Structure formats: C-alpha cells, structure tokens
Amino acid sequence: MARIIFLLLWEADFQSWLYRNYDLYEMITMAIGGAVIGLLQYAVLRRELRYSVLWIPVSILAWSLGLGSARWAIRQPTVPDGLLVFGVVEGAVVGMLTGTAMIFLLSHRGKS
C-alpha cells in the first residue's frame, strides 16, 4: 500500500513538473520523434551515402531546435498570427539544418 501511495505521489509530482516545464517536455518529445524519423531515413540513406549515420543526430537536433525556435517566436508581442508563424519558423529551422546536412552528405557520396 505504501508503494502505491508513493507511486501516486511521484506521478502527481511528475505531472506538476511537466506542467511547469512543458516546453522542455515538448522539445524532448520532438527529439525522440526526430530520432525515430532519423533512424528510418538512415535505413534508406545508408545504401547510398558514406556518412549517413550523421543524419540521425542532425534529425534530432533539427526537430528539437525547430520546435524550440517556433515556441520562442510565437511568444513575441509583435507576432500577429501564432499558428502561421509557428509553422513558418519551425519549417525554416528544420529545413535549414537538414538541408545543410544533406548537402554535406551528398558531397561525400559513396558507400561506407
């Protein structure tokens, strides 16, 4: 019984922490999503690109920073339409990071 009470209290504390640190939670979630996407794309890229393993951390970084940048942008007082700005900023950050990485990977083409 004490263990159940402890787990319930810990869960309540975690929920409270999660509410206070929701942006961090979302960035971690996007990093996990970026890892999954990066791993799936790596499975295809490894057949053609020498340094394709670099795609995984690039994907993690791009999706995390994309979300973080977009969250920051919509909090600015001069932003008129939050959803539009969110999509534009996130897409631009993810696109710049993954695009730069893809240019690097394609310039070093060949199987490892």
N, C-alpha and C. Protein backbone atom coordinates (compact mmCIF):
# COMPACT_ATOMS: atom_id res chain seq x y z
N MET A 1 0.81 -1.19 0.00
CA MET A 1 0.00 0.00 0.00
C MET A 1 0.86 1.26 0.00
N ALA A 2 1.93 1.24 0.78
CA ALA A 2 2.81 2.39 0.84
C ALA A 2 3.46 2.64 -0.52
N ARG A 3 3.78 1.58 -1.22
CA ARG A 3 4.39 1.72 -2.55
C ARG A 3 3.41 2.35 -3.53
N ILE A 4 2.16 1.98 -3.47
CA ILE A 4 1.15 2.56 -4.35
C ILE A 4 0.99 4.05 -4.06
N ILE A 5 0.95 4.41 -2.79
CA ILE A 5 0.83 5.82 -2.40
C ILE A 5 2.04 6.60 -2.89
N PHE A 6 3.23 6.01 -2.71
CA PHE A 6 4.46 6.65 -3.18
C PHE A 6 4.40 6.88 -4.69
N LEU A 7 3.99 5.86 -5.45
CA LEU A 7 3.92 5.99 -6.90
C LEU A 7 2.90 7.04 -7.32
N LEU A 8 1.76 7.09 -6.62
CA LEU A 8 0.76 8.11 -6.95
C LEU A 8 1.28 9.51 -6.66
N LEU A 9 1.96 9.68 -5.53
CA LEU A 9 2.53 10.98 -5.20
C LEU A 9 3.62 11.37 -6.19
N TRP A 10 4.46 10.39 -6.56
CA TRP A 10 5.52 10.66 -7.53
C TRP A 10 4.92 11.06 -8.87
N GLU A 11 3.87 10.36 -9.28
CA GLU A 11 3.19 10.69 -10.54
C GLU A 11 2.60 12.09 -10.47
N ALA A 12 2.00 12.44 -9.35
CA ALA A 12 1.43 13.78 -9.20
C ALA A 12 2.53 14.83 -9.25
N ASP A 13 3.66 14.55 -8.61
CA ASP A 13 4.79 15.47 -8.65
C ASP A 13 5.33 15.59 -10.07
N PHE A 14 5.41 14.47 -10.78
CA PHE A 14 5.88 14.49 -12.16
C PHE A 14 4.93 15.30 -13.03
N GLN A 15 3.63 15.13 -12.82
CA GLN A 15 2.65 15.90 -13.60
C GLN A 15 2.82 17.39 -13.32
N SER A 16 3.08 17.75 -12.07
CA SER A 16 3.29 19.14 -11.71
C SER A 16 4.56 19.67 -12.38
N TRP A 17 5.62 18.89 -12.35
CA TRP A 17 6.87 19.28 -13.01
C TRP A 17 6.65 19.44 -14.50
N LEU A 18 5.90 18.50 -15.08
CA LEU A 18 5.63 18.53 -16.51
C LEU A 18 4.87 19.79 -16.89
N TYR A 19 3.92 20.18 -16.08
CA TYR A 19 3.15 21.39 -16.36
C TYR A 19 4.05 22.63 -16.30
N ARG A 20 4.95 22.66 -15.34
CA ARG A 20 5.86 23.81 -15.20
C ARG A 20 6.91 23.85 -16.30
N ASN A 21 7.29 22.70 -16.83
CA ASN A 21 8.36 22.61 -17.82
C ASN A 21 7.85 22.04 -19.14
N TYR A 22 6.69 22.49 -19.57
CA TYR A 22 6.06 21.90 -20.73
C TYR A 22 6.88 22.10 -22.01
N ASP A 23 7.53 23.25 -22.14
CA ASP A 23 8.36 23.49 -23.33
C ASP A 23 9.50 22.48 -23.41
N LEU A 24 10.14 22.21 -22.28
CA LEU A 24 11.21 21.23 -22.26
C LEU A 24 10.67 19.85 -22.61
N TYR A 25 9.52 19.52 -22.08
CA TYR A 25 8.88 18.24 -22.38
C TYR A 25 8.61 18.12 -23.88
N GLU A 26 8.09 19.19 -24.49
CA GLU A 26 7.81 19.15 -25.92
C GLU A 26 9.09 19.01 -26.73
N MET A 27 10.16 19.69 -26.31
CA MET A 27 11.42 19.57 -27.05
C MET A 27 11.99 18.16 -26.94
N ILE A 28 11.85 17.54 -25.77
CA ILE A 28 12.31 16.16 -25.61
C ILE A 28 11.47 15.23 -26.48
N THR A 29 10.17 15.48 -26.52
CA THR A 29 9.29 14.67 -27.36
C THR A 29 9.67 14.82 -28.82
N MET A 30 9.96 16.03 -29.26
CA MET A 30 10.36 16.25 -30.65
C MET A 30 11.73 15.62 -30.93
N ALA A 31 12.62 15.61 -29.93
CA ALA A 31 13.92 14.94 -30.11
C ALA A 31 13.71 13.45 -30.32
N ILE A 32 12.81 12.87 -29.56
CA ILE A 32 12.51 11.43 -29.73
C ILE A 32 11.90 11.19 -31.11
N GLY A 33 10.98 12.07 -31.49
CA GLY A 33 10.40 11.96 -32.83
C GLY A 33 11.45 12.12 -33.92
N GLY A 34 12.37 13.07 -33.73
CA GLY A 34 13.47 13.26 -34.68
C GLY A 34 14.37 12.04 -34.76
N ALA A 35 14.57 11.38 -33.61
CA ALA A 35 15.39 10.16 -33.60
C ALA A 35 14.71 9.04 -34.38
N VAL A 36 13.43 8.90 -34.20
CA VAL A 36 12.69 7.86 -34.93
C VAL A 36 12.72 8.15 -36.43
N ILE A 37 12.41 9.39 -36.79
CA ILE A 37 12.44 9.77 -38.21
C ILE A 37 13.84 9.59 -38.77
N GLY A 38 14.85 10.05 -38.02
CA GLY A 38 16.23 9.93 -38.47
C GLY A 38 16.67 8.49 -38.67
N LEU A 39 16.26 7.62 -37.76
CA LEU A 39 16.61 6.19 -37.90
C LEU A 39 15.96 5.58 -39.13
N LEU A 40 14.71 5.90 -39.36
CA LEU A 40 14.02 5.36 -40.53
C LEU A 40 14.65 5.89 -41.83
N GLN A 41 14.99 7.16 -41.85
CA GLN A 41 15.62 7.72 -43.05
C GLN A 41 17.04 7.20 -43.21
N TYR A 42 17.74 6.99 -42.12
CA TYR A 42 19.09 6.43 -42.17
C TYR A 42 19.08 5.04 -42.82
N ALA A 43 18.05 4.26 -42.53
CA ALA A 43 17.96 2.92 -43.11
C ALA A 43 17.96 2.97 -44.64
N VAL A 44 17.41 4.03 -45.20
CA VAL A 44 17.41 4.19 -46.65
C VAL A 44 18.71 4.85 -47.12
N LEU A 45 19.15 5.88 -46.41
CA LEU A 45 20.33 6.64 -46.83
C LEU A 45 21.63 5.84 -46.77
N ARG A 46 21.72 4.88 -45.88
CA ARG A 46 22.98 4.16 -45.69
C ARG A 46 23.40 3.37 -46.93
N ARG A 47 22.47 3.09 -47.80
CA ARG A 47 22.81 2.36 -49.02
C ARG A 47 23.58 3.22 -50.00
N GLU A 48 23.41 4.53 -49.91
CA GLU A 48 24.00 5.42 -50.91
C GLU A 48 25.02 6.43 -50.37
N LEU A 49 24.93 6.75 -49.09
CA LEU A 49 25.75 7.84 -48.55
C LEU A 49 26.76 7.33 -47.52
N ARG A 50 27.98 7.79 -47.65
CA ARG A 50 29.07 7.33 -46.80
C ARG A 50 28.86 7.67 -45.33
N TYR A 51 28.52 8.90 -45.04
CA TYR A 51 28.40 9.34 -43.64
C TYR A 51 26.94 9.45 -43.21
N SER A 52 26.13 8.56 -43.69
CA SER A 52 24.68 8.64 -43.44
C SER A 52 24.32 8.54 -41.96
N VAL A 53 25.20 7.99 -41.14
CA VAL A 53 24.91 7.87 -39.71
C VAL A 53 24.77 9.27 -39.07
N LEU A 54 25.36 10.28 -39.70
CA LEU A 54 25.24 11.65 -39.18
C LEU A 54 23.82 12.19 -39.31
N TRP A 55 23.02 11.55 -40.15
CA TRP A 55 21.66 12.02 -40.36
C TRP A 55 20.82 11.90 -39.08
N ILE A 56 21.11 10.91 -38.26
CA ILE A 56 20.31 10.69 -37.04
C ILE A 56 20.44 11.87 -36.07
N PRO A 57 21.67 12.26 -35.66
CA PRO A 57 21.76 13.42 -34.75
C PRO A 57 21.30 14.73 -35.40
N VAL A 58 21.49 14.86 -36.70
CA VAL A 58 21.01 16.06 -37.38
C VAL A 58 19.49 16.13 -37.28
N SER A 59 18.82 15.02 -37.49
CA SER A 59 17.37 14.97 -37.41
C SER A 59 16.89 15.30 -35.99
N ILE A 60 17.55 14.74 -35.00
CA ILE A 60 17.20 15.02 -33.60
C ILE A 60 17.35 16.51 -33.32
N LEU A 61 18.48 17.06 -33.69
CA LEU A 61 18.76 18.48 -33.45
C LEU A 61 17.79 19.38 -34.20
N ALA A 62 17.53 19.05 -35.46
CA ALA A 62 16.66 19.88 -36.28
C ALA A 62 15.24 19.94 -35.72
N TRP A 63 14.69 18.80 -35.38
CA TRP A 63 13.31 18.80 -34.88
C TRP A 63 13.20 19.45 -33.51
N SER A 64 14.20 19.25 -32.65
CA SER A 64 14.17 19.88 -31.32
C SER A 64 14.31 21.39 -31.43
N LEU A 65 15.31 21.84 -32.18
CA LEU A 65 15.52 23.28 -32.31
C LEU A 65 14.41 23.95 -33.11
N GLY A 66 13.85 23.23 -34.05
CA GLY A 66 12.74 23.78 -34.82
C GLY A 66 11.56 24.09 -33.92
N LEU A 67 11.21 23.16 -33.06
CA LEU A 67 10.11 23.39 -32.13
C LEU A 67 10.45 24.49 -31.13
N GLY A 68 11.65 24.45 -30.58
CA GLY A 68 12.05 25.46 -29.61
C GLY A 68 12.04 26.86 -30.20
N SER A 69 12.53 26.99 -31.43
CA SER A 69 12.55 28.30 -32.10
C SER A 69 11.14 28.79 -32.38
N ALA A 70 10.29 27.87 -32.82
CA ALA A 70 8.91 28.26 -33.12
C ALA A 70 8.16 28.67 -31.86
N ARG A 71 8.38 27.95 -30.76
CA ARG A 71 7.74 28.33 -29.49
C ARG A 71 8.21 29.71 -29.05
N TRP A 72 9.49 30.00 -29.23
CA TRP A 72 10.02 31.31 -28.86
C TRP A 72 9.40 32.39 -29.75
N ALA A 73 9.29 32.11 -31.04
CA ALA A 73 8.79 33.12 -31.98
C ALA A 73 7.35 33.51 -31.70
N ILE A 74 6.50 32.55 -31.36
CA ILE A 74 5.09 32.91 -31.16
C ILE A 74 4.85 33.63 -29.84
N ARG A 75 5.84 33.65 -28.97
CA ARG A 75 5.70 34.37 -27.70
C ARG A 75 6.06 35.84 -27.82
N GLN A 76 6.57 36.24 -28.97
CA GLN A 76 6.96 37.63 -29.15
C GLN A 76 5.70 38.49 -29.28
N PRO A 77 5.70 39.67 -28.66
CA PRO A 77 4.49 40.50 -28.64
C PRO A 77 4.07 41.02 -30.01
N THR A 78 4.96 41.05 -30.97
CA THR A 78 4.62 41.61 -32.28
C THR A 78 4.12 40.56 -33.27
N VAL A 79 3.97 39.32 -32.83
CA VAL A 79 3.54 38.25 -33.73
C VAL A 79 2.02 38.28 -33.86
N PRO A 80 1.51 38.52 -35.09
CA PRO A 80 0.06 38.63 -35.26
C PRO A 80 -0.68 37.29 -35.28
N ASP A 81 -0.18 36.30 -36.00
CA ASP A 81 -0.87 35.02 -36.13
C ASP A 81 0.07 33.92 -35.68
N GLY A 82 -0.13 33.43 -34.46
CA GLY A 82 0.80 32.47 -33.87
C GLY A 82 0.97 31.19 -34.65
N LEU A 83 -0.11 30.60 -35.16
CA LEU A 83 -0.02 29.32 -35.85
C LEU A 83 0.77 29.43 -37.15
N LEU A 84 0.52 30.49 -37.91
CA LEU A 84 1.24 30.69 -39.15
C LEU A 84 2.73 30.89 -38.89
N VAL A 85 3.05 31.74 -37.94
CA VAL A 85 4.45 32.00 -37.60
C VAL A 85 5.11 30.73 -37.08
N PHE A 86 4.39 29.97 -36.26
CA PHE A 86 4.91 28.72 -35.72
C PHE A 86 5.34 27.79 -36.85
N GLY A 87 4.45 27.59 -37.82
CA GLY A 87 4.75 26.69 -38.93
C GLY A 87 5.89 27.18 -39.78
N VAL A 88 5.92 28.48 -40.05
CA VAL A 88 6.99 29.05 -40.88
C VAL A 88 8.35 28.92 -40.19
N VAL A 89 8.40 29.29 -38.92
CA VAL A 89 9.67 29.24 -38.19
C VAL A 89 10.15 27.79 -38.03
N GLU A 90 9.26 26.91 -37.62
CA GLU A 90 9.68 25.51 -37.44
C GLU A 90 10.14 24.92 -38.76
N GLY A 91 9.39 25.15 -39.82
CA GLY A 91 9.78 24.63 -41.13
C GLY A 91 11.10 25.19 -41.61
N ALA A 92 11.33 26.48 -41.37
CA ALA A 92 12.58 27.11 -41.80
C ALA A 92 13.77 26.53 -41.05
N VAL A 93 13.66 26.38 -39.74
CA VAL A 93 14.77 25.85 -38.94
C VAL A 93 15.07 24.40 -39.31
N VAL A 94 14.03 23.58 -39.37
CA VAL A 94 14.22 22.17 -39.74
C VAL A 94 14.79 22.07 -41.14
N GLY A 95 14.26 22.86 -42.07
CA GLY A 95 14.73 22.83 -43.45
C GLY A 95 16.18 23.27 -43.60
N MET A 96 16.57 24.33 -42.87
CA MET A 96 17.95 24.81 -42.96
C MET A 96 18.93 23.76 -42.43
N LEU A 97 18.61 23.19 -41.28
CA LEU A 97 19.54 22.22 -40.68
C LEU A 97 19.62 20.93 -41.50
N THR A 98 18.48 20.38 -41.88
CA THR A 98 18.51 19.14 -42.65
C THR A 98 19.02 19.38 -44.07
N GLY A 99 18.70 20.53 -44.64
CA GLY A 99 19.21 20.85 -45.98
C GLY A 99 20.72 20.98 -46.01
N THR A 100 21.28 21.65 -45.01
CA THR A 100 22.73 21.79 -44.92
C THR A 100 23.39 20.43 -44.73
N ALA A 101 22.80 19.60 -43.89
CA ALA A 101 23.35 18.25 -43.68
C ALA A 101 23.27 17.41 -44.95
N MET A 102 22.18 17.55 -45.69
CA MET A 102 22.05 16.77 -46.91
C MET A 102 23.06 17.22 -47.96
N ILE A 103 23.32 18.51 -48.04
CA ILE A 103 24.36 19.00 -48.97
C ILE A 103 25.70 18.39 -48.60
N PHE A 104 26.03 18.37 -47.31
CA PHE A 104 27.28 17.75 -46.86
C PHE A 104 27.32 16.27 -47.22
N LEU A 105 26.24 15.56 -46.91
CA LEU A 105 26.20 14.12 -47.18
C LEU A 105 26.31 13.82 -48.68
N LEU A 106 25.65 14.59 -49.50
CA LEU A 106 25.71 14.36 -50.94
C LEU A 106 27.08 14.70 -51.52
N SER A 107 27.78 15.64 -50.88
CA SER A 107 29.13 15.98 -51.37
C SER A 107 30.14 14.90 -51.01
N HIS A 108 29.79 14.02 -50.09
CA HIS A 108 30.65 12.89 -49.70
C HIS A 108 29.96 11.58 -50.05
N ARG A 109 29.43 11.55 -51.23
CA ARG A 109 28.64 10.40 -51.66
C ARG A 109 29.49 9.14 -51.81
N GLY A 110 28.91 8.02 -51.60
CA GLY A 110 29.58 6.74 -51.74
C GLY A 110 29.31 5.88 -50.53
N LYS A 111 29.32 4.58 -50.73
CA LYS A 111 29.06 3.66 -49.63
C LYS A 111 30.22 3.68 -48.63
N SER A 112 29.87 3.43 -47.37
CA SER A 112 30.92 3.39 -46.34
C SER A 112 31.58 2.04 -46.30
